[in-house]
C-alpha atoms as a PDB file:
ATOM      1  CA  MET A   1      99.655  19.807 102.603  1.00  0.00           C
ATOM      2  CA  LYS A   2     101.501  23.080 103.066  1.00  0.00           C
ATOM      3  CA  LYS A   3     100.914  25.117 106.171  1.00  0.00           C
ATOM      4  CA  ALA A   4      99.523  28.572 105.574  1.00  0.00           C
ATOM      5  CA  ARG A   5     102.064  31.157 106.612  1.00  0.00           C
ATOM      6  CA  ARG A   6     100.852  34.128 108.536  1.00  0.00           C
ATOM      7  CA  ARG A   7     101.772  37.500 107.143  1.00  0.00           C
ATOM      8  CA  ILE A   8     104.558  39.346 108.935  1.00  0.00           C
ATOM      9  CA  ASP A   9     105.319  42.932 107.992  1.00  0.00           C
ATOM     10  CA  VAL A  10     109.043  43.565 108.433  1.00  0.00           C
ATOM     11  CA  ASN A  11     110.313  47.098 108.854  1.00  0.00           C
ATOM     12  CA  LEU A  12     114.087  46.958 108.427  1.00  0.00           C
ATOM     13  CA  VAL A  13     114.676  50.391 109.924  1.00  0.00           C
ATOM     14  CA  GLU A  14     112.786  49.382 113.051  1.00  0.00           C
ATOM     15  CA  LEU A  15     114.723  46.101 113.295  1.00  0.00           C
ATOM     16  CA  ASP A  16     118.009  47.991 112.947  1.00  0.00           C
ATOM     17  CA  GLN A  17     116.967  50.248 115.830  1.00  0.00           C
ATOM     18  CA  VAL A  18     116.066  47.222 117.948  1.00  0.00           C
ATOM     19  CA  LEU A  19     119.466  45.650 117.312  1.00  0.00           C
ATOM     20  CA  ASP A  20     121.297  48.922 118.007  1.00  0.00           C
ATOM     21  CA  SER A  21     119.426  49.392 121.287  1.00  0.00           C
ATOM     22  CA  ALA A  22     120.279  45.804 122.254  1.00  0.00           C
ATOM     23  CA  LEU A  23     123.913  46.843 122.517  1.00  0.00           C
ATOM     24  CA  GLU A  24     123.098  49.363 125.236  1.00  0.00           C
ATOM     25  CA  ALA A  25     120.372  47.598 127.213  1.00  0.00           C
ATOM     26  CA  PRO A  26     118.583  44.231 127.226  1.00  0.00           C
ATOM     27  CA  LEU A  27     115.726  43.747 124.773  1.00  0.00           C
ATOM     28  CA  SER A  28     112.183  44.462 125.827  1.00  0.00           C
ATOM     29  CA  GLU A  29     109.668  41.661 125.472  1.00  0.00           C
ATOM     30  CA  ALA A  30     108.009  43.335 122.453  1.00  0.00           C
ATOM     31  CA  ASP A  31     111.371  43.770 120.698  1.00  0.00           C
ATOM     32  CA  HIS A  32     112.293  40.189 121.513  1.00  0.00           C
ATOM     33  CA  ASP A  33     109.041  38.894 119.997  1.00  0.00           C
ATOM     34  CA  LYS A  34     109.518  41.080 116.921  1.00  0.00           C
ATOM     35  CA  LEU A  35     113.014  39.714 116.281  1.00  0.00           C
ATOM     36  CA  LYS A  36     111.951  36.145 116.985  1.00  0.00           C
ATOM     37  CA  ASP A  37     108.989  36.323 114.562  1.00  0.00           C
ATOM     38  CA  THR A  38     111.188  37.839 111.867  1.00  0.00           C
ATOM     39  CA  LEU A  39     113.871  35.174 112.243  1.00  0.00           C
ATOM     40  CA  HIS A  40     111.291  32.376 112.164  1.00  0.00           C
ATOM     41  CA  ALA A  41     109.755  33.835 109.007  1.00  0.00           C
ATOM     42  CA  LEU A  42     113.170  34.000 107.326  1.00  0.00           C
ATOM     43  CA  ALA A  43     114.013  30.459 108.398  1.00  0.00           C
ATOM     44  CA  ALA A  44     110.700  29.195 106.977  1.00  0.00           C
ATOM     45  CA  LEU A  45     111.556  30.780 103.633  1.00  0.00           C
ATOM     46  CA  LEU A  46     114.962  29.104 103.558  1.00  0.00           C
ATOM     47  CA  VAL A  47     113.746  25.603 104.367  1.00  0.00           C
ATOM     48  CA  ARG A  48     112.980  23.673 101.191  1.00  0.00           C
ATOM     49  CA  SER A  49     110.177  21.184 101.147  1.00  0.00           C
ATOM     50  CA  ARG A  50     111.413  17.629 100.666  1.00  0.00           C
ATOM     51  CA  ASN A  51     109.563  15.701  98.022  1.00  0.00           C
ATOM     52  CA  THR A  52     112.102  12.979  97.342  1.00  0.00           C
ATOM     53  CA  GLU A  53     110.172  10.185  98.966  1.00  0.00           C
ATOM     54  CA  LYS A  54     109.150   7.475  96.518  1.00  0.00           C
ATOM     55  CA  THR A  55     105.969   5.476  96.786  1.00  0.00           C
ATOM     56  CA  SER A  56     107.835   2.238  96.139  1.00  0.00           C
ATOM     57  CA  GLU A  57     109.975   2.839  99.222  1.00  0.00           C
ATOM     58  CA  VAL A  58     107.063   3.776 101.475  1.00  0.00           C
ATOM     59  CA  VAL A  59     104.354   1.292 100.472  1.00  0.00           C
ATOM     60  CA  GLU A  60     105.001  -2.370 101.158  1.00  0.00           C
ATOM     61  CA  LYS A  61     105.165  -4.569  98.080  1.00  0.00           C
ATOM     62  CA  PRO A  62     102.931  -7.643  97.950  1.00  0.00           C
ATOM     63  CA  GLU A  63     104.741 -10.974  97.859  1.00  0.00           C
ATOM     64  CA  ASP A  64     103.547 -11.807  94.337  1.00  0.00           C
ATOM     65  CA  SER A  65     104.738  -8.453  92.930  1.00  0.00           C
ATOM     66  CA  LYS A  66     107.718 -10.094  91.198  1.00  0.00           C
ATOM     67  CA  ALA A  67     105.428 -12.002  88.864  1.00  0.00           C
ATOM     68  CA  GLU A  68     103.390  -8.896  88.031  1.00  0.00           C
ATOM     69  CA  ALA A  69     106.365  -6.580  87.584  1.00  0.00           C
ATOM     70  CA  GLN A  70     107.888  -8.422  84.605  1.00  0.00           C
ATOM     71  CA  PRO A  71     105.833  -8.279  81.400  1.00  0.00           C
ATOM     72  CA  ASP A  72     105.634 -11.261  79.067  1.00  0.00           C
ATOM     73  CA  GLY A  73     108.363 -11.434  76.450  1.00  0.00           C
ATOM     74  CA  ASP A  74     105.769 -12.389  73.804  1.00  0.00           C
ATOM     75  CA  THR A  75     104.005  -9.034  73.756  1.00  0.00           C
ATOM     76  CA  ALA A  76     105.494  -6.456  71.407  1.00  0.00           C
ATOM     77  CA  SER A  77     104.969  -2.730  71.732  1.00  0.00           C
ATOM     78  CA  PRO A  78     102.417  -1.324  69.310  1.00  0.00           C
ATOM     79  CA  PRO A  79     103.866   0.197  66.137  1.00  0.00           C
ATOM     80  CA  GLY A  80     104.125   3.929  65.695  1.00  0.00           C
ATOM     81  CA  HIS A  81     105.166   4.812  69.224  1.00  0.00           C
ATOM     82  CA  GLY A  82     108.559   6.422  68.677  1.00  0.00           C
ATOM     83  CA  ARG A  83     110.106   9.297  70.546  1.00  0.00           C
ATOM     84  CA  ASN A  84     108.910  12.174  68.385  1.00  0.00           C
ATOM     85  CA  GLY A  85     105.693  12.313  66.432  1.00  0.00           C
ATOM     86  CA  ALA A  86     105.081  14.367  63.322  1.00  0.00           C
ATOM     87  CA  GLU A  87     103.615  17.132  65.506  1.00  0.00           C
ATOM     88  CA  ALA A  88     107.060  17.677  67.044  1.00  0.00           C
ATOM     89  CA  PHE A  89     108.316  18.963  63.703  1.00  0.00           C
ATOM     90  CA  GLY A  90     105.494  21.376  62.921  1.00  0.00           C
ATOM     91  CA  GLY A  91     107.833  24.191  61.868  1.00  0.00           C
ATOM     92  CA  ALA A  92     109.311  22.221  58.988  1.00  0.00           C
ATOM     93  CA  GLY A  93     107.894  22.915  55.543  1.00  0.00           C
ATOM     94  CA  LYS A  94     106.757  20.068  53.298  1.00  0.00           C
ATOM     95  CA  VAL A  95     108.379  19.800  49.897  1.00  0.00           C
ATOM     96  CA  ASP A  96     106.956  17.588  47.155  1.00  0.00           C
ATOM     97  CA  ILE A  97     109.654  16.021  45.014  1.00  0.00           C
ATOM     98  CA  LYS A  98     108.462  14.169  41.943  1.00  0.00           C
ATOM     99  CA  HIS A  99     110.299  11.135  40.654  1.00  0.00           C
ATOM    100  CA  GLN A 100     111.652  11.445  37.129  1.00  0.00           C
ATOM    101  CA  LYS A 101     109.999   8.274  35.818  1.00  0.00           C
ATOM    102  CA  LEU A 102     107.506   7.007  38.396  1.00  0.00           C
ATOM    103  CA  THR A 103     104.197   8.512  39.439  1.00  0.00           C
ATOM    104  CA  HIS A 104     101.536   7.583  41.973  1.00  0.00           C
ATOM    105  CA  GLY A 105      99.841   4.285  41.080  1.00  0.00           C
ATOM    106  CA  ASP A 106     102.584   2.920  38.769  1.00  0.00           C
ATOM    107  CA  ARG A 107     103.746  -0.668  39.165  1.00  0.00           C
ATOM    108  CA  CYS A 108     106.945  -1.342  41.084  1.00  0.00           C
ATOM    109  CA  PRO A 109     109.824  -1.507  38.583  1.00  0.00           C
ATOM    110  CA  GLU A 110     111.610  -4.208  40.613  1.00  0.00           C
ATOM    111  CA  CYS A 111     108.926  -6.827  41.271  1.00  0.00           C
ATOM    112  CA  GLY A 112     106.096  -5.711  38.995  1.00  0.00           C
ATOM    113  CA  ARG A 113     103.476  -6.703  41.594  1.00  0.00           C
ATOM    114  CA  GLY A 114     103.325  -3.741  43.959  1.00  0.00           C
ATOM    115  CA  ASN A 115     102.268  -0.187  43.324  1.00  0.00           C
ATOM    116  CA  VAL A 116     104.167   3.032  43.941  1.00  0.00           C
END
């Protein structure tokens, strides 16, 4: 869960004045706190959250996980589960092309048993 950041209003002109006055005399406690809060806010923005941890590396595997991890070789994937479905090509127009000799319902010219 992310920590809620508190809002810090940064006035760059004021920070420039604080830095310029630091050359002449030491920083006051208020100026020190202002610079410190600003630097911490900037550092928090630069730090990226790490989400590279994998569950398999964190959670211990049960001893019989090897048997469960490999599926049976007898089971085949169900048909019709390719990479792209018909919906992926929705922009393409459909064109009906009629065969010169055959129409819907005619017998197969090769075997004579099936229908077109």
